[in-house]
């Protein structure tokens, strides 16, 4: 029954993402920095795991769980190209092995002024990854629909100069996913 349920959710997600039309304009705005990430789902695995990385121990988002991706560069022809380039740089998966369905809505980081464009794609379970040691501490696969179960929903609270912020988060085993990554996951959850 769980396999059928997961398959239904997967097909519903695919239908929703592939039918979307999203604005992917690259803005020339000094207030916001642009980035793009890949939400990669194994489409030949009944658990439909997604690939996530634990960022290296440096920078503002150090040691956070995130999707592979990164900063838009001027040589990128569009934001999907950014996601592809950065995914290859961080986890070594060639663009030839990813079939992208389409974009989700962009999300913003709180306080660090990033606008992140997520793209959903699929890969086969036998795909090989190669960790970029400078940028990535760990690569993991998390069963998507288990992650979305209500028992894995959490909230994290933190304070900024503007006061207290409560942010949706997800937990799977010992991995706490919060911030922009959690907002991306919430979008996925809204489609199924």
N, C-alpha and C. Protein backbone atom coordinates (compact mmCIF):
# COMPACT_ATOMS: atom_id res chain seq x y z
N UNK A 1 0.83 -1.21 0.00
CA UNK A 1 0.00 0.00 0.00
C UNK A 1 0.86 1.27 0.00
N UNK A 2 1.95 1.27 0.79
CA UNK A 2 2.81 2.44 0.88
C UNK A 2 3.48 2.73 -0.47
N UNK A 3 3.87 1.65 -1.20
CA UNK A 3 4.46 1.84 -2.52
C UNK A 3 3.48 2.52 -3.47
N UNK A 4 2.22 2.09 -3.42
CA UNK A 4 1.19 2.69 -4.28
C UNK A 4 0.95 4.14 -3.89
N UNK A 5 0.90 4.41 -2.59
CA UNK A 5 0.70 5.75 -2.09
C UNK A 5 1.85 6.67 -2.52
N UNK A 6 3.09 6.19 -2.37
CA UNK A 6 4.25 6.98 -2.79
C UNK A 6 4.22 7.22 -4.29
N UNK A 7 3.86 6.20 -5.05
CA UNK A 7 3.79 6.34 -6.50
C UNK A 7 2.74 7.38 -6.90
N UNK A 8 1.61 7.36 -6.23
CA UNK A 8 0.56 8.35 -6.49
C UNK A 8 1.08 9.76 -6.20
N UNK A 9 1.72 9.94 -5.04
CA UNK A 9 2.25 11.25 -4.65
C UNK A 9 3.31 11.73 -5.65
N UNK A 10 4.17 10.82 -6.05
CA UNK A 10 5.21 11.15 -7.02
C UNK A 10 4.59 11.63 -8.33
N UNK A 11 3.61 10.89 -8.83
CA UNK A 11 2.96 11.27 -10.09
C UNK A 11 2.20 12.58 -9.96
N UNK A 12 1.60 12.83 -8.80
CA UNK A 12 0.91 14.10 -8.55
C UNK A 12 1.92 15.25 -8.55
N UNK A 13 3.05 15.05 -7.89
CA UNK A 13 4.09 16.07 -7.86
C UNK A 13 4.60 16.35 -9.27
N UNK A 14 4.86 15.31 -10.04
CA UNK A 14 5.34 15.49 -11.41
C UNK A 14 4.33 16.29 -12.23
N UNK A 15 3.07 15.94 -12.11
CA UNK A 15 2.01 16.64 -12.85
C UNK A 15 1.98 18.12 -12.48
N UNK A 16 2.04 18.41 -11.20
CA UNK A 16 1.99 19.81 -10.74
C UNK A 16 3.20 20.61 -11.22
N UNK A 17 4.38 20.04 -11.08
CA UNK A 17 5.60 20.79 -11.42
C UNK A 17 5.71 20.98 -12.94
N UNK A 18 5.43 19.95 -13.71
CA UNK A 18 5.57 20.07 -15.16
C UNK A 18 4.52 20.98 -15.79
N UNK A 19 3.43 21.23 -15.09
CA UNK A 19 2.39 22.10 -15.65
C UNK A 19 2.54 23.56 -15.22
N UNK A 20 3.53 23.84 -14.41
CA UNK A 20 3.72 25.21 -13.89
C UNK A 20 4.38 26.13 -14.91
N UNK A 21 4.02 27.37 -14.84
CA UNK A 21 4.70 28.42 -15.58
C UNK A 21 5.23 29.38 -14.52
N UNK A 22 6.51 29.59 -14.53
CA UNK A 22 7.10 30.42 -13.48
C UNK A 22 7.89 31.57 -14.10
N UNK A 23 7.90 32.67 -13.41
CA UNK A 23 8.70 33.81 -13.82
C UNK A 23 10.14 33.59 -13.37
N UNK A 24 11.05 33.49 -14.33
CA UNK A 24 12.45 33.24 -13.99
C UNK A 24 13.35 34.37 -14.47
N UNK A 25 12.82 35.57 -14.37
CA UNK A 25 13.59 36.71 -14.83
C UNK A 25 14.77 36.96 -13.90
N UNK A 26 15.88 37.29 -14.51
CA UNK A 26 17.07 37.63 -13.74
C UNK A 26 17.05 39.13 -13.51
N UNK A 27 16.86 39.51 -12.26
CA UNK A 27 16.73 40.93 -11.93
C UNK A 27 18.10 41.53 -11.67
N UNK A 28 18.26 42.75 -12.05
CA UNK A 28 19.47 43.48 -11.70
C UNK A 28 19.14 44.29 -10.45
N UNK A 29 19.30 43.65 -9.30
CA UNK A 29 18.87 44.24 -8.05
C UNK A 29 19.98 44.02 -7.01
N UNK A 30 20.60 45.10 -6.59
CA UNK A 30 21.70 44.98 -5.64
C UNK A 30 21.23 44.58 -4.25
N UNK A 31 19.92 44.67 -3.99
CA UNK A 31 19.40 44.30 -2.68
C UNK A 31 19.32 42.79 -2.50
N UNK A 32 19.26 42.04 -3.59
CA UNK A 32 19.06 40.60 -3.53
C UNK A 32 20.12 39.91 -4.38
N UNK A 33 20.68 38.83 -3.84
CA UNK A 33 21.62 38.00 -4.60
C UNK A 33 20.86 36.77 -5.08
N UNK A 34 21.15 36.32 -6.30
CA UNK A 34 20.43 35.21 -6.91
C UNK A 34 21.20 33.90 -6.80
N UNK A 35 20.44 32.84 -6.57
CA UNK A 35 21.00 31.49 -6.54
C UNK A 35 19.96 30.53 -7.09
N UNK A 36 20.41 29.33 -7.45
CA UNK A 36 19.49 28.29 -7.93
C UNK A 36 19.94 26.95 -7.38
N UNK A 37 18.97 26.09 -7.09
CA UNK A 37 19.26 24.77 -6.53
C UNK A 37 18.48 23.70 -7.29
N UNK A 38 18.97 22.47 -7.15
CA UNK A 38 18.31 21.31 -7.77
C UNK A 38 17.70 20.43 -6.70
N UNK A 39 16.43 20.12 -6.87
CA UNK A 39 15.76 19.12 -6.04
C UNK A 39 15.74 17.86 -6.88
N UNK A 40 16.67 16.95 -6.60
CA UNK A 40 16.83 15.74 -7.39
C UNK A 40 16.13 14.58 -6.70
N UNK A 41 15.24 13.92 -7.42
CA UNK A 41 14.47 12.79 -6.90
C UNK A 41 14.85 11.54 -7.68
N UNK A 42 15.14 10.45 -6.97
CA UNK A 42 15.37 9.18 -7.65
C UNK A 42 14.03 8.62 -8.10
N UNK A 43 13.83 8.51 -9.41
CA UNK A 43 12.53 8.10 -9.92
C UNK A 43 12.39 6.59 -10.10
N UNK A 44 13.43 5.83 -9.82
CA UNK A 44 13.33 4.37 -9.93
C UNK A 44 13.49 3.70 -8.57
N UNK A 45 13.21 4.44 -7.52
CA UNK A 45 13.31 3.96 -6.15
C UNK A 45 11.96 4.21 -5.48
N UNK A 46 11.33 3.18 -4.93
CA UNK A 46 9.99 3.30 -4.36
C UNK A 46 9.91 4.31 -3.21
N UNK A 47 11.03 4.66 -2.60
CA UNK A 47 11.05 5.66 -1.53
C UNK A 47 11.22 7.08 -2.06
N UNK A 48 11.50 7.23 -3.34
CA UNK A 48 11.69 8.53 -3.98
C UNK A 48 12.57 9.47 -3.14
N UNK A 49 13.81 9.05 -2.87
CA UNK A 49 14.68 9.92 -2.07
C UNK A 49 15.11 11.17 -2.83
N UNK A 50 15.32 12.22 -2.07
CA UNK A 50 15.87 13.46 -2.60
C UNK A 50 17.31 13.59 -2.12
N UNK A 51 18.13 14.25 -2.92
CA UNK A 51 19.53 14.47 -2.58
C UNK A 51 19.66 15.79 -1.83
N UNK A 52 20.33 15.72 -0.70
CA UNK A 52 20.62 16.93 0.07
C UNK A 52 22.08 16.90 0.47
N UNK A 53 22.59 18.09 0.74
CA UNK A 53 23.98 18.21 1.17
C UNK A 53 24.04 18.94 2.51
N UNK A 54 25.07 18.61 3.25
CA UNK A 54 25.39 19.39 4.44
C UNK A 54 26.54 20.30 4.03
N UNK A 55 26.30 21.57 4.10
CA UNK A 55 27.30 22.55 3.66
C UNK A 55 28.58 22.44 4.49
N UNK A 56 29.69 22.80 3.88
CA UNK A 56 30.98 22.78 4.57
C UNK A 56 30.98 23.75 5.74
N UNK A 57 31.95 23.62 6.59
CA UNK A 57 32.04 24.39 7.83
C UNK A 57 32.67 25.76 7.59
N UNK A 58 32.02 26.55 6.73
CA UNK A 58 32.48 27.92 6.50
C UNK A 58 31.34 28.73 5.91
N UNK A 59 31.34 30.02 6.14
CA UNK A 59 30.33 30.89 5.59
C UNK A 59 29.09 30.99 6.46
N UNK A 60 28.17 31.85 6.02
CA UNK A 60 26.96 32.15 6.78
C UNK A 60 26.07 30.92 6.94
N UNK A 61 25.97 30.09 5.91
CA UNK A 61 25.09 28.93 5.95
C UNK A 61 25.86 27.64 6.22
N UNK A 62 26.97 27.75 6.93
CA UNK A 62 27.82 26.60 7.24
C UNK A 62 27.05 25.53 7.98
N UNK A 63 27.29 24.29 7.60
CA UNK A 63 26.76 23.09 8.25
C UNK A 63 25.24 22.95 8.16
N UNK A 64 24.58 23.76 7.35
CA UNK A 64 23.14 23.62 7.16
C UNK A 64 22.87 22.56 6.10
N UNK A 65 21.74 21.88 6.23
CA UNK A 65 21.28 20.95 5.21
C UNK A 65 20.62 21.76 4.12
N UNK A 66 21.00 21.48 2.87
CA UNK A 66 20.52 22.27 1.74
C UNK A 66 20.42 21.39 0.50
N UNK A 67 19.84 21.96 -0.53
CA UNK A 67 19.83 21.30 -1.83
C UNK A 67 21.09 21.71 -2.57
N UNK A 68 21.63 20.84 -3.42
CA UNK A 68 22.81 21.25 -4.18
C UNK A 68 22.48 22.42 -5.09
N UNK A 69 23.38 23.38 -5.13
CA UNK A 69 23.17 24.57 -5.95
C UNK A 69 24.01 25.71 -5.43
N UNK A 70 23.81 26.88 -6.00
CA UNK A 70 24.59 28.02 -5.54
C UNK A 70 24.33 29.28 -6.34
N UNK A 71 25.28 30.16 -6.28
CA UNK A 71 25.18 31.53 -6.76
C UNK A 71 25.11 31.62 -8.29
N UNK A 72 24.20 32.46 -8.77
CA UNK A 72 24.12 32.80 -10.19
C UNK A 72 25.38 33.56 -10.60
N UNK A 73 25.95 33.17 -11.73
CA UNK A 73 27.11 33.87 -12.31
C UNK A 73 26.69 34.46 -13.64
N UNK A 74 27.31 35.55 -14.03
CA UNK A 74 26.93 36.24 -15.27
C UNK A 74 27.07 35.36 -16.50
N UNK A 75 27.97 34.39 -16.48
CA UNK A 75 28.13 33.52 -17.65
C UNK A 75 27.01 32.48 -17.76
N UNK A 76 26.19 32.32 -16.71
CA UNK A 76 25.04 31.41 -16.78
C UNK A 76 23.98 32.04 -17.68
N UNK A 77 23.50 31.27 -18.65
CA UNK A 77 22.51 31.83 -19.58
C UNK A 77 21.15 32.02 -18.91
N UNK A 78 20.87 31.24 -17.86
CA UNK A 78 19.63 31.39 -17.11
C UNK A 78 19.81 30.70 -15.75
N UNK A 79 18.77 30.75 -14.94
CA UNK A 79 18.88 30.21 -13.59
C UNK A 79 18.89 28.69 -13.56
N UNK A 80 18.27 28.04 -14.54
CA UNK A 80 18.38 26.58 -14.62
C UNK A 80 19.83 26.19 -14.89
N UNK A 81 20.52 26.95 -15.72
CA UNK A 81 21.94 26.68 -15.97
C UNK A 81 22.76 26.85 -14.68
N UNK A 82 22.37 27.81 -13.86
CA UNK A 82 23.04 27.97 -12.56
C UNK A 82 22.86 26.72 -11.72
N UNK A 83 21.63 26.24 -11.63
CA UNK A 83 21.35 25.03 -10.84
C UNK A 83 22.15 23.85 -11.37
N UNK A 84 22.18 23.67 -12.68
CA UNK A 84 22.94 22.56 -13.27
C UNK A 84 24.43 22.68 -12.98
N UNK A 85 24.99 23.86 -13.22
CA UNK A 85 26.43 24.07 -13.01
C UNK A 85 26.82 23.83 -11.56
N UNK A 86 26.06 24.44 -10.66
CA UNK A 86 26.39 24.32 -9.24
C UNK A 86 26.18 22.89 -8.72
N UNK A 87 25.15 22.20 -9.21
CA UNK A 87 24.92 20.82 -8.80
C UNK A 87 26.09 19.94 -9.23
N UNK A 88 26.56 20.15 -10.45
CA UNK A 88 27.71 19.39 -10.92
C UNK A 88 28.95 19.71 -10.09
N UNK A 89 29.16 20.99 -9.78
CA UNK A 89 30.33 21.39 -8.98
C UNK A 89 30.29 20.79 -7.58
N UNK A 90 29.10 20.76 -6.96
CA UNK A 90 29.01 20.33 -5.57
C UNK A 90 28.94 18.82 -5.38
N UNK A 91 28.17 18.13 -6.25
CA UNK A 91 28.00 16.69 -6.02
C UNK A 91 28.37 15.84 -7.24
N UNK A 92 28.90 16.47 -8.28
CA UNK A 92 29.48 15.73 -9.39
C UNK A 92 28.52 15.06 -10.35
N UNK A 93 27.22 15.35 -10.27
CA UNK A 93 26.28 14.72 -11.20
C UNK A 93 26.23 15.55 -12.49
N UNK A 94 26.54 14.90 -13.59
CA UNK A 94 26.53 15.54 -14.90
C UNK A 94 25.09 15.85 -15.32
N UNK A 95 24.95 16.95 -16.05
CA UNK A 95 23.64 17.35 -16.56
C UNK A 95 23.01 16.29 -17.44
N UNK A 96 23.82 15.47 -18.06
CA UNK A 96 23.31 14.41 -18.94
C UNK A 96 22.47 13.38 -18.19
N UNK A 97 22.62 13.31 -16.89
CA UNK A 97 21.93 12.30 -16.09
C UNK A 97 20.73 12.85 -15.32
N UNK A 98 20.42 14.13 -15.52
CA UNK A 98 19.30 14.76 -14.83
C UNK A 98 18.23 15.15 -15.85
N UNK A 99 16.99 14.80 -15.55
CA UNK A 99 15.87 15.25 -16.37
C UNK A 99 15.05 16.22 -15.52
N UNK A 100 15.12 17.49 -15.88
CA UNK A 100 14.42 18.51 -15.08
C UNK A 100 12.97 18.62 -15.51
N UNK A 101 12.08 18.65 -14.51
CA UNK A 101 10.65 18.83 -14.75
C UNK A 101 10.31 20.30 -14.90
N UNK A 102 10.86 21.13 -14.00
CA UNK A 102 10.53 22.54 -14.03
C UNK A 102 10.83 23.22 -12.71
N UNK A 103 10.47 24.50 -12.63
CA UNK A 103 10.78 25.29 -11.44
C UNK A 103 9.67 25.28 -10.40
N UNK A 104 10.07 25.59 -9.18
CA UNK A 104 9.13 25.96 -8.12
C UNK A 104 9.22 27.47 -7.97
N UNK A 105 8.44 28.02 -7.06
CA UNK A 105 8.53 29.46 -6.80
C UNK A 105 9.83 29.75 -6.06
N UNK A 106 10.44 30.90 -6.32
CA UNK A 106 11.65 31.25 -5.58
C UNK A 106 11.35 31.48 -4.10
N UNK A 107 12.36 31.24 -3.29
CA UNK A 107 12.26 31.50 -1.85
C UNK A 107 13.40 32.44 -1.46
N UNK A 108 13.20 33.10 -0.34
CA UNK A 108 14.20 34.06 0.15
C UNK A 108 14.82 33.54 1.44
N UNK A 109 16.09 33.86 1.61
CA UNK A 109 16.71 33.59 2.91
C UNK A 109 16.38 34.77 3.81
N UNK A 110 16.30 34.50 5.09
CA UNK A 110 15.98 35.55 6.05
C UNK A 110 17.30 36.15 6.56
N UNK A 111 17.54 37.38 6.21
CA UNK A 111 18.70 38.06 6.74
C UNK A 111 19.92 38.08 5.83
N UNK A 112 20.08 37.12 4.92
CA UNK A 112 21.27 37.09 4.08
C UNK A 112 21.01 37.54 2.64
N UNK A 113 19.78 37.93 2.34
CA UNK A 113 19.42 38.55 1.06
C UNK A 113 19.67 37.67 -0.16
N UNK A 114 19.36 36.39 -0.06
CA UNK A 114 19.43 35.50 -1.22
C UNK A 114 18.03 35.20 -1.71
N UNK A 115 17.85 35.23 -3.03
CA UNK A 115 16.61 34.77 -3.66
C UNK A 115 16.99 33.48 -4.39
N UNK A 116 16.40 32.37 -3.96
CA UNK A 116 16.80 31.05 -4.45
C UNK A 116 15.72 30.48 -5.35
N UNK A 117 16.13 30.07 -6.54
CA UNK A 117 15.23 29.48 -7.52
C UNK A 117 15.42 27.96 -7.52
N UNK A 118 14.41 27.20 -7.08
CA UNK A 118 14.52 25.74 -7.05
C UNK A 118 13.98 25.10 -8.34
N UNK A 119 14.70 24.07 -8.80
CA UNK A 119 14.28 23.31 -9.97
C UNK A 119 14.20 21.84 -9.59
N UNK A 120 13.07 21.21 -9.93
CA UNK A 120 12.86 19.80 -9.63
C UNK A 120 13.28 18.97 -10.83
N UNK A 121 14.06 17.92 -10.54
CA UNK A 121 14.50 17.01 -11.58
C UNK A 121 14.58 15.60 -11.05
N UNK A 122 14.76 14.66 -11.96
CA UNK A 122 14.86 13.26 -11.56
C UNK A 122 16.17 12.65 -12.06
N UNK A 123 16.63 11.67 -11.29
CA UNK A 123 17.83 10.91 -11.62
C UNK A 123 17.55 9.43 -11.32
N UNK A 124 18.40 8.58 -11.81
CA UNK A 124 18.31 7.14 -11.53
C UNK A 124 19.08 6.83 -10.24
N UNK A 125 18.69 5.76 -9.56
CA UNK A 125 19.29 5.43 -8.26
C UNK A 125 20.75 4.98 -8.37
N UNK A 126 21.20 4.59 -9.56
CA UNK A 126 22.58 4.15 -9.69
C UNK A 126 23.54 5.28 -10.05
N UNK A 127 23.05 6.53 -9.99
CA UNK A 127 23.88 7.68 -10.31
C UNK A 127 25.02 7.80 -9.30
N UNK A 128 26.19 8.15 -9.77
CA UNK A 128 27.35 8.32 -8.90
C UNK A 128 27.50 9.79 -8.52
N UNK A 129 27.79 10.04 -7.27
CA UNK A 129 28.05 11.40 -6.82
C UNK A 129 29.52 11.53 -6.43
N UNK A 130 30.03 12.74 -6.55
CA UNK A 130 31.39 13.05 -6.15
C UNK A 130 31.32 14.34 -5.33
N UNK A 131 31.65 14.24 -4.06
CA UNK A 131 31.54 15.38 -3.14
C UNK A 131 32.67 16.38 -3.37
N UNK A 132 32.31 17.65 -3.51
CA UNK A 132 33.29 18.73 -3.55
C UNK A 132 33.70 19.01 -2.11
N UNK A 133 34.89 18.59 -1.75
CA UNK A 133 35.35 18.66 -0.35
C UNK A 133 35.39 20.08 0.21
N UNK A 134 35.58 21.06 -0.65
CA UNK A 134 35.65 22.45 -0.17
C UNK A 134 34.27 23.02 0.17
N UNK A 135 33.23 22.54 -0.50
CA UNK A 135 31.91 23.12 -0.33
C UNK A 135 30.91 22.23 0.40
N UNK A 136 31.17 20.92 0.43
CA UNK A 136 30.18 19.98 0.93
C UNK A 136 30.81 19.07 1.98
N UNK A 137 30.17 18.98 3.13
CA UNK A 137 30.65 18.08 4.17
C UNK A 137 30.07 16.67 3.99
N UNK A 138 28.81 16.60 3.54
CA UNK A 138 28.15 15.30 3.40
C UNK A 138 27.06 15.38 2.33
N UNK A 139 26.90 14.28 1.60
CA UNK A 139 25.78 14.11 0.66
C UNK A 139 24.90 13.01 1.24
N UNK A 140 23.60 13.25 1.26
CA UNK A 140 22.69 12.22 1.77
C UNK A 140 21.46 12.15 0.88
N UNK A 141 20.76 11.03 1.00
CA UNK A 141 19.48 10.86 0.32
C UNK A 141 18.42 10.65 1.40
N UNK A 142 17.32 11.40 1.30
CA UNK A 142 16.25 11.35 2.29
C UNK A 142 14.96 10.96 1.57
N UNK A 143 14.27 9.91 2.03
CA UNK A 143 13.00 9.54 1.40
C UNK A 143 12.00 10.71 1.47
N UNK A 144 11.64 11.23 0.30
CA UNK A 144 10.84 12.45 0.22
C UNK A 144 9.53 12.34 1.00
N UNK A 145 8.77 11.29 0.77
CA UNK A 145 7.43 11.25 1.36
C UNK A 145 7.47 10.89 2.84
N UNK A 146 8.52 10.25 3.30
CA UNK A 146 8.70 10.06 4.75
C UNK A 146 9.02 11.39 5.41
N UNK A 147 9.87 12.19 4.76
CA UNK A 147 10.21 13.51 5.28
C UNK A 147 8.97 14.38 5.44
N UNK A 148 8.02 14.23 4.52
CA UNK A 148 6.82 15.07 4.55
C UNK A 148 5.77 14.63 5.57
N UNK A 149 5.96 13.46 6.19
CA UNK A 149 4.99 13.00 7.18
C UNK A 149 4.91 14.00 8.33
N UNK A 150 3.71 14.18 8.87
CA UNK A 150 3.49 15.19 9.90
C UNK A 150 4.39 15.00 11.12
N UNK A 151 4.75 13.76 11.43
CA UNK A 151 5.62 13.53 12.60
C UNK A 151 7.01 14.14 12.41
N UNK A 152 7.37 14.51 11.18
CA UNK A 152 8.68 15.10 10.90
C UNK A 152 8.63 16.61 10.74
N UNK A 153 7.46 17.22 10.97
CA UNK A 153 7.31 18.68 10.90
C UNK A 153 7.73 19.31 12.22
N UNK A 154 8.49 20.36 12.15
CA UNK A 154 8.93 21.08 13.33
C UNK A 154 8.90 22.58 13.05
N UNK A 155 9.19 23.36 14.10
CA UNK A 155 9.43 24.79 13.97
C UNK A 155 10.72 25.11 14.70
N UNK A 156 11.48 26.01 14.13
CA UNK A 156 12.65 26.54 14.82
C UNK A 156 12.40 28.01 15.06
N UNK A 157 12.94 28.52 16.14
CA UNK A 157 12.80 29.94 16.48
C UNK A 157 14.17 30.55 16.62
N UNK A 158 14.30 31.76 16.14
CA UNK A 158 15.53 32.50 16.33
C UNK A 158 15.19 33.98 16.36
N UNK A 159 16.12 34.76 16.83
CA UNK A 159 15.88 36.20 16.92
C UNK A 159 16.84 36.94 15.99
N UNK A 160 16.32 38.04 15.46
CA UNK A 160 17.12 38.95 14.64
C UNK A 160 16.90 40.35 15.20
N UNK A 161 17.49 41.32 14.53
CA UNK A 161 17.26 42.70 14.94
C UNK A 161 15.79 43.08 14.86
N UNK A 162 15.04 42.37 14.01
CA UNK A 162 13.62 42.67 13.84
C UNK A 162 12.73 41.87 14.79
N UNK A 163 13.33 41.08 15.66
CA UNK A 163 12.54 40.32 16.62
C UNK A 163 12.62 38.82 16.38
N UNK A 164 11.70 38.11 17.01
CA UNK A 164 11.68 36.65 16.95
C UNK A 164 11.05 36.16 15.64
N UNK A 165 11.66 35.11 15.07
CA UNK A 165 11.13 34.49 13.85
C UNK A 165 10.91 33.01 14.13
N UNK A 166 9.70 32.54 13.85
CA UNK A 166 9.40 31.10 13.92
C UNK A 166 9.38 30.60 12.49
N UNK A 167 10.15 29.57 12.22
CA UNK A 167 10.29 29.07 10.86
C UNK A 167 9.98 27.58 10.80
N UNK A 168 9.20 27.20 9.81
CA UNK A 168 8.89 25.78 9.58
C UNK A 168 10.19 25.04 9.33
N UNK A 169 10.26 23.82 9.82
CA UNK A 169 11.42 22.98 9.56
C UNK A 169 10.97 21.53 9.47
N UNK A 170 11.88 20.69 9.03
CA UNK A 170 11.63 19.25 8.91
C UNK A 170 12.81 18.53 9.54
N UNK A 171 12.51 17.36 10.10
CA UNK A 171 13.57 16.56 10.67
C UNK A 171 13.44 15.14 10.14
N UNK A 172 14.59 14.58 9.80
CA UNK A 172 14.62 13.17 9.39
C UNK A 172 15.88 12.57 9.99
N UNK A 173 15.67 11.54 10.82
CA UNK A 173 16.77 10.96 11.61
C UNK A 173 17.44 12.10 12.35
N UNK A 174 18.73 12.32 12.18
CA UNK A 174 19.40 13.39 12.94
C UNK A 174 19.60 14.66 12.12
N UNK A 175 18.83 14.83 11.05
CA UNK A 175 19.02 15.96 10.14
C UNK A 175 17.88 16.97 10.31
N UNK A 176 18.23 18.18 10.68
CA UNK A 176 17.26 19.27 10.81
C UNK A 176 17.37 20.14 9.56
N UNK A 177 16.27 20.25 8.84
CA UNK A 177 16.24 21.04 7.61
C UNK A 177 15.34 22.24 7.88
N UNK A 178 15.88 23.43 7.76
CA UNK A 178 15.12 24.62 8.08
C UNK A 178 15.44 25.72 7.07
N UNK A 179 14.90 26.89 7.29
CA UNK A 179 15.19 28.04 6.43
C UNK A 179 14.64 27.86 5.03
N UNK A 180 15.41 28.33 4.05
CA UNK A 180 14.96 28.30 2.66
C UNK A 180 14.71 26.87 2.18
N UNK A 181 15.54 25.93 2.61
CA UNK A 181 15.34 24.53 2.20
C UNK A 181 14.00 24.00 2.69
N UNK A 182 13.63 24.35 3.92
CA UNK A 182 12.34 23.91 4.45
C UNK A 182 11.19 24.57 3.70
N UNK A 183 11.35 25.81 3.29
CA UNK A 183 10.30 26.48 2.53
C UNK A 183 10.13 25.85 1.14
N UNK A 184 11.23 25.37 0.57
CA UNK A 184 11.15 24.64 -0.70
C UNK A 184 10.40 23.32 -0.49
N UNK A 185 10.73 22.61 0.56
CA UNK A 185 10.06 21.34 0.86
C UNK A 185 8.56 21.57 1.11
N UNK A 186 8.23 22.67 1.77
CA UNK A 186 6.81 22.98 2.01
C UNK A 186 6.06 23.20 0.70
N UNK A 187 6.72 23.81 -0.28
CA UNK A 187 6.09 23.95 -1.60
C UNK A 187 5.78 22.59 -2.20
N UNK A 188 6.75 21.69 -2.13
CA UNK A 188 6.54 20.34 -2.64
C UNK A 188 5.37 19.70 -1.93
N UNK A 189 5.32 19.85 -0.62
CA UNK A 189 4.25 19.26 0.19
C UNK A 189 2.89 19.81 -0.23
N UNK A 190 2.83 21.04 -0.64
CA UNK A 190 1.55 21.64 -1.03
C UNK A 190 0.99 21.06 -2.33
N UNK A 191 1.82 20.37 -3.09
CA UNK A 191 1.38 19.81 -4.38
C UNK A 191 0.78 18.41 -4.25
N UNK A 192 0.99 17.77 -3.10
CA UNK A 192 0.54 16.36 -2.99
C UNK A 192 -0.55 16.17 -1.96
